[in-house]
C-alpha atoms as a PDB file:
ATOM      1  CA  MET A   1      89.241  82.136 122.923  1.00  0.00           C
ATOM      2  CA  ASN A   2      86.826  81.836 120.054  1.00  0.00           C
ATOM      3  CA  PRO A   3      84.525  84.795 119.330  1.00  0.00           C
ATOM      4  CA  SER A   4      80.770  84.455 119.542  1.00  0.00           C
ATOM      5  CA  VAL A   5      78.879  84.276 116.288  1.00  0.00           C
ATOM      6  CA  GLY A   6      76.115  86.907 116.192  1.00  0.00           C
ATOM      7  CA  SER A   7      72.692  86.684 114.676  1.00  0.00           C
ATOM      8  CA  ALA A   8      70.406  89.083 112.827  1.00  0.00           C
ATOM      9  CA  THR A   9      66.718  89.292 112.018  1.00  0.00           C
ATOM     10  CA  ALA A  10      66.639  88.554 108.296  1.00  0.00           C
ATOM     11  CA  THR A  11      64.929  86.595 105.571  1.00  0.00           C
ATOM     12  CA  ASP A  12      66.160  83.118 104.650  1.00  0.00           C
ATOM     13  CA  ALA A  13      68.265  84.657 101.876  1.00  0.00           C
ATOM     14  CA  GLU A  14      69.815  87.128 104.307  1.00  0.00           C
ATOM     15  CA  ARG A  15      70.212  84.901 107.394  1.00  0.00           C
ATOM     16  CA  PRO A  16      73.788  85.037 108.698  1.00  0.00           C
ATOM     17  CA  GLU A  17      75.879  81.948 108.177  1.00  0.00           C
ATOM     18  CA  HIS A  18      78.373  80.310 110.490  1.00  0.00           C
ATOM     19  CA  LEU A  19      81.882  80.650 109.137  1.00  0.00           C
ATOM     20  CA  PRO A  20      83.978  77.475 108.941  1.00  0.00           C
ATOM     21  CA  SER A  21      86.132  77.124 112.033  1.00  0.00           C
ATOM     22  CA  GLY A  22      89.362  77.653 110.062  1.00  0.00           C
ATOM     23  CA  ASP A  23      88.127  80.899 108.514  1.00  0.00           C
ATOM     24  CA  LEU A  24      86.680  82.074 111.839  1.00  0.00           C
ATOM     25  CA  GLU A  25      89.976  81.459 113.640  1.00  0.00           C
ATOM     26  CA  ALA A  26      92.022  83.275 110.970  1.00  0.00           C
ATOM     27  CA  ILE A  27      89.754  86.348 111.038  1.00  0.00           C
ATOM     28  CA  HIS A  28      89.673  86.283 114.838  1.00  0.00           C
ATOM     29  CA  VAL A  29      93.458  86.455 115.026  1.00  0.00           C
ATOM     30  CA  ILE A  30      93.494  89.530 112.788  1.00  0.00           C
ATOM     31  CA  GLN A  31      90.636  91.202 114.643  1.00  0.00           C
ATOM     32  CA  GLU A  32      92.346  90.618 118.008  1.00  0.00           C
ATOM     33  CA  ASP A  33      95.332  92.479 116.542  1.00  0.00           C
ATOM     34  CA  PHE A  34      92.895  95.226 115.367  1.00  0.00           C
ATOM     35  CA  ALA A  35      91.471  95.427 118.928  1.00  0.00           C
ATOM     36  CA  ARG A  36      94.978  95.921 120.284  1.00  0.00           C
ATOM     37  CA  HIS A  37      95.774  98.762 117.814  1.00  0.00           C
ATOM     38  CA  LEU A  38      92.332 100.245 118.443  1.00  0.00           C
ATOM     39  CA  ARG A  39      92.863 100.241 122.225  1.00  0.00           C
ATOM     40  CA  MET A  40      96.194 102.071 121.890  1.00  0.00           C
ATOM     41  CA  GLY A  41      94.796 104.611 119.444  1.00  0.00           C
ATOM     42  CA  ALA A  42      91.569 105.291 121.358  1.00  0.00           C
ATOM     43  CA  SER A  43      93.441 105.591 124.660  1.00  0.00           C
ATOM     44  CA  ALA A  44      95.778 108.184 123.106  1.00  0.00           C
ATOM     45  CA  ILE A  45      93.001 110.281 121.532  1.00  0.00           C
ATOM     46  CA  LEU A  46      90.687 110.225 124.545  1.00  0.00           C
ATOM     47  CA  ASN A  47      93.442 110.263 127.162  1.00  0.00           C
ATOM     48  CA  LEU A  48      91.676 107.393 128.921  1.00  0.00           C
ATOM     49  CA  ASP A  49      92.405 103.747 129.651  1.00  0.00           C
ATOM     50  CA  ILE A  50      90.090 102.014 127.144  1.00  0.00           C
ATOM     51  CA  THR A  51      89.155  98.288 127.158  1.00  0.00           C
ATOM     52  CA  VAL A  52      88.532  96.749 123.735  1.00  0.00           C
ATOM     53  CA  LYS A  53      87.407  93.220 122.886  1.00  0.00           C
ATOM     54  CA  VAL A  54      86.030  91.360 119.878  1.00  0.00           C
ATOM     55  CA  ILE A  55      82.504  90.165 120.735  1.00  0.00           C
ATOM     56  CA  GLY A  56      81.167  88.827 117.417  1.00  0.00           C
ATOM     57  CA  ILE A  57      82.172  87.645 113.940  1.00  0.00           C
ATOM     58  CA  ARG A  58      79.656  86.436 111.423  1.00  0.00           C
ATOM     59  CA  GLN A  59      78.979  86.112 107.694  1.00  0.00           C
ATOM     60  CA  ASP A  60      75.965  88.061 106.485  1.00  0.00           C
ATOM     61  CA  THR A  61      74.574  90.242 103.709  1.00  0.00           C
ATOM     62  CA  TYR A  62      74.873  93.984 104.218  1.00  0.00           C
ATOM     63  CA  ALA A  63      71.073  94.203 104.315  1.00  0.00           C
ATOM     64  CA  GLY A  64      71.027  91.592 107.093  1.00  0.00           C
ATOM     65  CA  LEU A  65      73.635  93.572 109.013  1.00  0.00           C
ATOM     66  CA  GLN A  66      71.523  96.736 108.817  1.00  0.00           C
ATOM     67  CA  LYS A  67      68.562  94.850 110.306  1.00  0.00           C
ATOM     68  CA  ALA A  68      70.523  93.892 113.428  1.00  0.00           C
ATOM     69  CA  PRO A  69      68.771  94.875 116.679  1.00  0.00           C
ATOM     70  CA  SER A  70      71.425  97.395 117.812  1.00  0.00           C
ATOM     71  CA  SER A  71      70.962 100.306 115.408  1.00  0.00           C
ATOM     72  CA  ALA A  72      73.919 102.500 114.504  1.00  0.00           C
ATOM     73  CA  ALA A  73      74.030 106.193 115.397  1.00  0.00           C
ATOM     74  CA  TYR A  74      76.813 106.762 112.869  1.00  0.00           C
ATOM     75  CA  ILE A  75      77.520 104.929 109.613  1.00  0.00           C
ATOM     76  CA  CYS A  76      80.692 105.662 107.672  1.00  0.00           C
ATOM     77  CA  ALA A  77      81.355 104.405 104.124  1.00  0.00           C
ATOM     78  CA  THR A  78      84.879 103.041 103.829  1.00  0.00           C
ATOM     79  CA  ALA A  79      86.859 101.433 101.022  1.00  0.00           C
ATOM     80  CA  LEU A  80      89.789  99.081 100.564  1.00  0.00           C
ATOM     81  CA  SER A  81      92.720  99.939  98.318  1.00  0.00           C
ATOM     82  CA  PRO A  82      93.893  98.800  95.852  1.00  0.00           C
ATOM     83  CA  ASP A  83      90.673  96.815  95.123  1.00  0.00           C
ATOM     84  CA  LYS A  84      88.414  99.793  95.890  1.00  0.00           C
ATOM     85  CA  ARG A  85      85.926  97.400  97.519  1.00  0.00           C
ATOM     86  CA  ALA A  86      83.182  99.077  99.525  1.00  0.00           C
ATOM     87  CA  SER A  87      83.014  98.428 103.263  1.00  0.00           C
ATOM     88  CA  ALA A  88      81.300 100.146 106.162  1.00  0.00           C
ATOM     89  CA  LEU A  89      81.821 101.186 109.743  1.00  0.00           C
ATOM     90  CA  HIS A  90      78.798 101.280 112.077  1.00  0.00           C
ATOM     91  CA  MET A  91      79.045 102.821 115.551  1.00  0.00           C
ATOM     92  CA  THR A  92      76.330 102.683 118.213  1.00  0.00           C
ATOM     93  CA  SER A  93      75.142 105.713 120.168  1.00  0.00           C
ATOM     94  CA  GLY A  94      76.599 104.093 123.307  1.00  0.00           C
ATOM     95  CA  LEU A  95      80.057 104.562 121.754  1.00  0.00           C
ATOM     96  CA  VAL A  96      79.730 107.700 119.631  1.00  0.00           C
ATOM     97  CA  PHE A  97      78.380 110.220 122.175  1.00  0.00           C
ATOM     98  CA  PRO A  98      80.669 109.306 125.090  1.00  0.00           C
ATOM     99  CA  VAL A  99      83.609 109.526 122.673  1.00  0.00           C
ATOM    100  CA  LEU A 100      82.442 112.970 121.528  1.00  0.00           C
ATOM    101  CA  GLU A 101      82.100 114.090 125.158  1.00  0.00           C
ATOM    102  CA  ALA A 102      85.636 112.927 125.932  1.00  0.00           C
ATOM    103  CA  MET A 103      87.058 114.594 122.792  1.00  0.00           C
ATOM    104  CA  MET A 104      85.399 117.896 123.677  1.00  0.00           C
ATOM    105  CA  GLY A 105      86.518 117.747 127.310  1.00  0.00           C
ATOM    106  CA  GLY A 106      83.065 117.022 128.790  1.00  0.00           C
ATOM    107  CA  ALA A 107      81.933 114.574 131.441  1.00  0.00           C
ATOM    108  CA  ILE A 108      81.640 110.982 130.186  1.00  0.00           C
ATOM    109  CA  ALA A 109      78.258 109.370 130.822  1.00  0.00           C
ATOM    110  CA  PRO A 110      76.248 106.584 129.185  1.00  0.00           C
ATOM    111  CA  CYS A 111      74.050 107.706 126.264  1.00  0.00           C
ATOM    112  CA  THR A 112      70.345 107.600 127.223  1.00  0.00           C
ATOM    113  CA  ASP A 113      68.885 108.441 123.785  1.00  0.00           C
ATOM    114  CA  SER A 114      69.585 105.591 121.331  1.00  0.00           C
ATOM    115  CA  THR A 115      67.604 107.356 118.539  1.00  0.00           C
ATOM    116  CA  ARG A 116      69.767 110.493 118.466  1.00  0.00           C
ATOM    117  CA  ARG A 117      71.896 111.086 115.333  1.00  0.00           C
ATOM    118  CA  LEU A 118      75.023 113.134 114.873  1.00  0.00           C
ATOM    119  CA  THR A 119      75.033 116.717 113.640  1.00  0.00           C
ATOM    120  CA  VAL A 120      77.440 117.847 110.885  1.00  0.00           C
ATOM    121  CA  ILE A 121      79.636 119.588 113.474  1.00  0.00           C
ATOM    122  CA  GLU A 122      79.741 116.470 115.646  1.00  0.00           C
ATOM    123  CA  GLU A 123      80.774 114.416 112.606  1.00  0.00           C
ATOM    124  CA  ASP A 124      83.685 116.802 112.045  1.00  0.00           C
ATOM    125  CA  VAL A 125      84.760 116.436 115.692  1.00  0.00           C
ATOM    126  CA  LEU A 126      84.543 112.640 115.434  1.00  0.00           C
ATOM    127  CA  GLU A 127      86.664 112.454 112.257  1.00  0.00           C
ATOM    128  CA  PRO A 128      90.069 111.977 113.991  1.00  0.00           C
ATOM    129  CA  PHE A 129      88.579 109.030 115.878  1.00  0.00           C
ATOM    130  CA  VAL A 130      87.306 107.513 112.593  1.00  0.00           C
ATOM    131  CA  GLN A 131      90.732 107.976 110.918  1.00  0.00           C
ATOM    132  CA  MET A 132      92.399 106.265 113.888  1.00  0.00           C
ATOM    133  CA  ILE A 133      90.071 103.262 113.406  1.00  0.00           C
ATOM    134  CA  LEU A 134      90.986 103.061 109.696  1.00  0.00           C
ATOM    135  CA  ARG A 135      94.674 103.146 110.515  1.00  0.00           C
ATOM    136  CA  ALA A 136      94.205 100.387 113.084  1.00  0.00           C
ATOM    137  CA  LEU A 137      92.446  98.299 110.447  1.00  0.00           C
ATOM    138  CA  THR A 138      95.217  98.857 107.917  1.00  0.00           C
ATOM    139  CA  LYS A 139      97.872  97.754 110.429  1.00  0.00           C
ATOM    140  CA  SER A 140      95.971  94.622 111.470  1.00  0.00           C
ATOM    141  CA  TRP A 141      95.386  93.470 107.894  1.00  0.00           C
ATOM    142  CA  SER A 142      98.906  94.273 106.629  1.00  0.00           C
ATOM    143  CA  PRO A 143     100.166  90.639 106.998  1.00  0.00           C
ATOM    144  CA  VAL A 144      97.538  89.564 104.444  1.00  0.00           C
ATOM    145  CA  GLY A 145      98.752  91.928 101.705  1.00  0.00           C
ATOM    146  CA  GLU A 146      98.816  95.515 100.493  1.00  0.00           C
ATOM    147  CA  ILE A 147      95.461  96.520 101.979  1.00  0.00           C
ATOM    148  CA  VAL A 148      94.707 100.122 102.964  1.00  0.00           C
ATOM    149  CA  PHE A 149      91.445 101.171 104.620  1.00  0.00           C
ATOM    150  CA  GLY A 150      90.253 104.649 103.876  1.00  0.00           C
ATOM    151  CA  ARG A 151      87.158 106.792 103.487  1.00  0.00           C
ATOM    152  CA  GLY A 152      84.832 105.579 100.748  1.00  0.00           C
ATOM    153  CA  SER A 153      81.993 107.057  98.711  1.00  0.00           C
ATOM    154  CA  ASP A 154      79.617 104.087  98.653  1.00  0.00           C
ATOM    155  CA  LEU A 155      78.268 101.569 101.151  1.00  0.00           C
ATOM    156  CA  PRO A 156      78.208  97.857 100.236  1.00  0.00           C
ATOM    157  CA  LEU A 157      75.233  96.770  98.136  1.00  0.00           C
ATOM    158  CA  ALA A 158      72.273  95.356 100.088  1.00  0.00           C
ATOM    159  CA  HIS A 159      72.751  91.806  98.696  1.00  0.00           C
ATOM    160  CA  GLU A 160      76.543  91.864  98.992  1.00  0.00           C
ATOM    161  CA  LYS A 161      78.019  89.243 101.293  1.00  0.00           C
ATOM    162  CA  VAL A 162      80.158  90.717 104.095  1.00  0.00           C
ATOM    163  CA  VAL A 163      82.047  89.517 107.130  1.00  0.00           C
ATOM    164  CA  ALA A 164      80.630  91.456 110.082  1.00  0.00           C
ATOM    165  CA  VAL A 165      83.014  92.015 112.972  1.00  0.00           C
ATOM    166  CA  THR A 166      81.688  93.616 116.181  1.00  0.00           C
ATOM    167  CA  VAL A 167      84.086  95.135 118.705  1.00  0.00           C
ATOM    168  CA  GLU A 168      83.087  96.491 122.115  1.00  0.00           C
ATOM    169  CA  LEU A 169      84.833  99.497 123.706  1.00  0.00           C
ATOM    170  CA  GLU A 170      84.515 100.206 127.418  1.00  0.00           C
ATOM    171  CA  ILE A 171      85.297 103.894 127.893  1.00  0.00           C
ATOM    172  CA  ALA A 172      84.450 104.076 131.595  1.00  0.00           C
ATOM    173  CA  GLU A 173      83.242 101.633 134.223  1.00  0.00           C
ATOM    174  CA  ASP A 174      79.566 102.080 133.304  1.00  0.00           C
ATOM    175  CA  THR A 175      79.999 103.389 129.760  1.00  0.00           C
ATOM    176  CA  LYS A 176      80.513 101.101 126.819  1.00  0.00           C
ATOM    177  CA  GLY A 177      79.459 100.905 123.192  1.00  0.00           C
ATOM    178  CA  SER A 178      80.343  98.962 120.068  1.00  0.00           C
ATOM    179  CA  LEU A 179      81.413  99.334 116.474  1.00  0.00           C
ATOM    180  CA  THR A 180      80.713  96.878 113.687  1.00  0.00           C
ATOM    181  CA  LEU A 181      82.823  96.502 110.546  1.00  0.00           C
ATOM    182  CA  ALA A 182      81.197  95.254 107.346  1.00  0.00           C
ATOM    183  CA  LEU A 183      84.278  93.790 105.617  1.00  0.00           C
ATOM    184  CA  PRO A 184      84.042  92.706 101.963  1.00  0.00           C
ATOM    185  CA  TYR A 185      84.146  88.967 101.359  1.00  0.00           C
ATOM    186  CA  ILE A 186      87.287  89.384  99.216  1.00  0.00           C
ATOM    187  CA  LEU A 187      89.300  89.630 102.434  1.00  0.00           C
ATOM    188  CA  LEU A 188      88.263  86.101 103.347  1.00  0.00           C
ATOM    189  CA  ARG A 189      89.486  84.891  99.970  1.00  0.00           C
ATOM    190  CA  LYS A 190      92.786  86.706 100.510  1.00  0.00           C
ATOM    191  CA  LEU A 191      93.150  84.970 103.844  1.00  0.00           C
ATOM    192  CA  LYS A 192      92.519  81.550 102.267  1.00  0.00           C
ATOM    193  CA  ALA A 193      95.019  82.256  99.503  1.00  0.00           C
ATOM    194  CA  LEU A 194      97.636  83.288 102.084  1.00  0.00           C
ATOM    195  CA  ALA A 195      96.998  80.148 104.142  1.00  0.00           C
ATOM    196  CA  GLU A 196      97.350  77.919 101.089  1.00  0.00           C
ATOM    197  CA  LYS A 197     100.613  79.634 100.122  1.00  0.00           C
ATOM    198  CA  GLN A 198     102.014  79.143 103.615  1.00  0.00           C
ATOM    199  CA  THR A 199     101.031  75.461 103.816  1.00  0.00           C
ATOM    200  CA  ARG A 200     102.141  74.585 100.287  1.00  0.00           C
ATOM    201  CA  PRO A 201     105.399  72.580 100.385  1.00  0.00           C
ATOM    202  CA  ALA A 202     108.403  74.416  99.023  1.00  0.00           C
ATOM    203  CA  GLU A 203     109.695  73.432  95.593  1.00  0.00           C
ATOM    204  CA  PRO A 204     112.723  71.169  96.024  1.00  0.00           C
ATOM    205  CA  THR A 205     116.026  72.638  94.899  1.00  0.00           C
ATOM    206  CA  PRO A 206     117.314  70.598  91.971  1.00  0.00           C
ATOM    207  CA  VAL A 207     120.615  68.829  92.632  1.00  0.00           C
ATOM    208  CA  PRO A 208     123.282  68.783  89.882  1.00  0.00           C
ATOM    209  CA  HIS A 209     122.634  65.117  89.094  1.00  0.00           C
ATOM    210  CA  ASN A 210     118.923  65.747  88.538  1.00  0.00           C
ATOM    211  CA  SER A 211     119.635  68.846  86.416  1.00  0.00           C
ATOM    212  CA  GLU A 212     121.952  66.890  84.136  1.00  0.00           C
ATOM    213  CA  ALA A 213     119.409  64.119  83.757  1.00  0.00           C
ATOM    214  CA  MET A 214     116.655  66.642  82.899  1.00  0.00           C
ATOM    215  CA  LEU A 215     118.929  68.348  80.364  1.00  0.00           C
ATOM    216  CA  LYS A 216     119.571  65.023  78.601  1.00  0.00           C
ATOM    217  CA  LEU A 217     115.835  64.430  78.417  1.00  0.00           C
ATOM    218  CA  ILE A 218     114.958  67.765  76.839  1.00  0.00           C
ATOM    219  CA  GLN A 219     117.911  68.119  74.465  1.00  0.00           C
ATOM    220  CA  PRO A 220     116.222  66.147  71.643  1.00  0.00           C
ATOM    221  CA  ALA A 221     113.145  68.434  71.844  1.00  0.00           C
ATOM    222  CA  MET A 222     112.371  70.423  68.658  1.00  0.00           C
ATOM    223  CA  LEU A 223     111.563  74.161  68.873  1.00  0.00           C
ATOM    224  CA  GLU A 224     110.021  76.321  66.189  1.00  0.00           C
ATOM    225  CA  PHE A 225     112.575  78.987  65.126  1.00  0.00           C
ATOM    226  CA  GLU A 226     111.668  82.091  63.117  1.00  0.00           C
ATOM    227  CA  ALA A 227     113.839  85.013  61.943  1.00  0.00           C
ATOM    228  CA  ARG A 228     111.668  88.118  61.602  1.00  0.00           C
ATOM    229  CA  LEU A 229     112.605  91.527  60.205  1.00  0.00           C
ATOM    230  CA  ASP A 230     111.324  93.986  62.783  1.00  0.00           C
ATOM    231  CA  GLY A 231     109.809  97.303  61.717  1.00  0.00           C
ATOM    232  CA  PRO A 232     108.114  97.157  58.242  1.00  0.00           C
ATOM    233  CA  LYS A 233     104.565  98.480  58.254  1.00  0.00           C
ATOM    234  CA  VAL A 234     101.762  98.272  55.664  1.00  0.00           C
ATOM    235  CA  GLY A 235      98.849 100.693  55.635  1.00  0.00           C
ATOM    236  CA  LEU A 236      95.334  99.243  56.084  1.00  0.00           C
ATOM    237  CA  ARG A 237      94.225 100.694  52.732  1.00  0.00           C
ATOM    238  CA  ASP A 238      97.153  99.041  50.918  1.00  0.00           C
ATOM    239  CA  LEU A 239      96.566  95.777  52.781  1.00  0.00           C
ATOM    240  CA  LEU A 240      92.890  95.694  51.721  1.00  0.00           C
ATOM    241  CA  ASN A 241      93.847  96.408  48.093  1.00  0.00           C
ATOM    242  CA  LEU A 242      96.497  93.703  47.837  1.00  0.00           C
ATOM    243  CA  ALA A 243      96.194  91.411  44.835  1.00  0.00           C
ATOM    244  CA  GLU A 244      98.175  88.450  43.519  1.00  0.00           C
ATOM    245  CA  GLY A 245     101.402  89.451  41.829  1.00  0.00           C
ATOM    246  CA  GLN A 246     101.771  92.774  43.650  1.00  0.00           C
ATOM    247  CA  ILE A 247     105.045  93.711  45.356  1.00  0.00           C
ATOM    248  CA  VAL A 248     105.035  95.120  48.895  1.00  0.00           C
ATOM    249  CA  LEU A 249     107.755  97.730  49.459  1.00  0.00           C
ATOM    250  CA  LEU A 250     109.436  97.278  52.832  1.00  0.00           C
ATOM    251  CA  ASP A 251     110.776 100.338  54.688  1.00  0.00           C
ATOM    252  CA  ARG A 252     113.880  98.585  56.019  1.00  0.00           C
ATOM    253  CA  ALA A 253     117.162  97.666  54.328  1.00  0.00           C
ATOM    254  CA  PRO A 254     118.048  93.934  53.922  1.00  0.00           C
ATOM    255  CA  ASP A 255     120.766  94.343  56.542  1.00  0.00           C
ATOM    256  CA  GLY A 256     118.338  95.670  59.162  1.00  0.00           C
ATOM    257  CA  GLU A 257     118.059  94.282  62.673  1.00  0.00           C
ATOM    258  CA  VAL A 258     116.250  90.936  62.929  1.00  0.00           C
ATOM    259  CA  ASP A 259     114.401  89.274  65.801  1.00  0.00           C
ATOM    260  CA  GLY A 260     114.991  85.572  66.364  1.00  0.00           C
ATOM    261  CA  LEU A 261     111.890  83.853  67.784  1.00  0.00           C
ATOM    262  CA  LEU A 262     111.690  80.535  69.619  1.00  0.00           C
ATOM    263  CA  ASN A 263     108.167  79.181  69.882  1.00  0.00           C
ATOM    264  CA  LYS A 264     106.778  82.676  68.976  1.00  0.00           C
ATOM    265  CA  SER A 265     108.780  84.366  71.792  1.00  0.00           C
ATOM    266  CA  ALA A 266     111.563  86.867  70.929  1.00  0.00           C
ATOM    267  CA  TYR A 267     114.849  85.424  72.121  1.00  0.00           C
ATOM    268  CA  PHE A 268     117.694  86.728  69.897  1.00  0.00           C
ATOM    269  CA  LYS A 269     118.702  89.954  68.175  1.00  0.00           C
ATOM    270  CA  GLY A 270     120.734  89.675  64.994  1.00  0.00           C
ATOM    271  CA  GLN A 271     121.446  90.788  61.432  1.00  0.00           C
ATOM    272  CA  VAL A 272     121.030  89.284  58.002  1.00  0.00           C
ATOM    273  CA  VAL A 273     124.455  88.449  56.446  1.00  0.00           C
ATOM    274  CA  SER A 274     125.543  86.569  53.349  1.00  0.00           C
ATOM    275  CA  ASP A 275     128.261  84.031  52.690  1.00  0.00           C
ATOM    276  CA  GLY A 276     128.080  84.682  48.916  1.00  0.00           C
ATOM    277  CA  LYS A 277     125.532  81.916  48.323  1.00  0.00           C
ATOM    278  CA  LYS A 278     123.000  82.033  51.116  1.00  0.00           C
ATOM    279  CA  ARG A 279     121.587  84.568  53.497  1.00  0.00           C
ATOM    280  CA  LEU A 280     122.248  83.776  57.128  1.00  0.00           C
ATOM    281  CA  LEU A 281     121.227  85.134  60.539  1.00  0.00           C
ATOM    282  CA  LEU A 282     124.127  86.510  62.604  1.00  0.00           C
ATOM    283  CA  ILE A 283     123.090  86.348  66.293  1.00  0.00           C
ATOM    284  CA  GLU A 284     124.437  89.438  68.031  1.00  0.00           C
ATOM    285  CA  ARG A 285     122.876  89.183  71.511  1.00  0.00           C
ATOM    286  CA  PHE A 286     120.176  87.512  73.560  1.00  0.00           C
ATOM    287  CA  ARG A 287     116.962  89.433  74.298  1.00  0.00           C
ATOM    288  CA  GLU A 288     117.147  88.543  78.006  1.00  0.00           C
ATOM    289  CA  GLN A 289     120.227  90.797  78.358  1.00  0.00           C
ATOM    290  CA  GLU A 290     118.066  93.810  77.460  1.00  0.00           C
ATOM    291  CA  THR A 291     115.489  93.171  80.173  1.00  0.00           C
ATOM    292  CA  ALA A 292     117.789  91.814  82.911  1.00  0.00           C
END
C-alpha cells in the first residue's frame, strides 16, 4: 500500500514536492518498520493496545512543514549521529495529552483544546515516550547505515529541505493523534546510495588464465623507483639561508634505514650497503608486512 502524499500551505519556493515513486517506496518500507517498532514501544509504555499507521510522506522545506494546518502541541529538536544533522519531531495535541493521561494513570479522552501547550513538568513526564520514539527510529533506519537518532540542540533551518513523515497513533477507539518527523534530506541520499550498491553487479572473480594474461600485459610497465634516507631534518632558518656551495649536515649515518618508493608510495625498507665500488640498496622487508 502506498502512503498518501500530504500538502502544506506554502509559497511557491516552499510548496511540497512529490517524491519519485522509487524514493517514496523505499522510505515507506522503512517507515512501516518504524510504525511496527513504535506500536510495540508505545503499547509497552502505556500498557494499551495501540494502532499505528503511516498516513503521509512528502518532501518539503522545514518552513513549509511548520505551516501545515495541524499545528503541533510539542516540538522536539532531534539529531542524527554521526552526521549531527538536525531533524525534528512534531506531536499534535490529540496525541500528546492522551499519552500524558495514560502515563500518569488518568482516564484517556480526546483532547478538546488544540491550542494548549505543555508545561515543563509535563515535558519531563513525556520524555520516556520521546526516547522510545527515537529508539524506534534508530532501529528502523539501521539497515541503511550507522544512524542513531537522539536529542538535538537545533531545529532544521527554515529553508532546509526535509522528508516529512506523518504517523497516526490510535490510543483508544475515539482517541487518536499524530506525530510528524522532519527527516534531513541526507537520509534520502543514503537510501539511494544503498540501492545503487545493492543493484550494482558484483565484480567477476578473475580466473587463473585471465590473471596470467593480465600479468603478461603489465610486466613491461615501467615504475619510478626512489631510495630515500628517512629521518634527516633541516631547520626553516637554515633552509631559507641556503646558498650555492653550502653543505647540509645530515643527522643520520650512511648506513641508516632507507625507504624504497614505487611511484611515490613507500613499498620497501632497506639499508645502504657497498660492494667496494658502488653503493647499493639492500631490501630487508616489504612495507605491507608492517601494516598487515
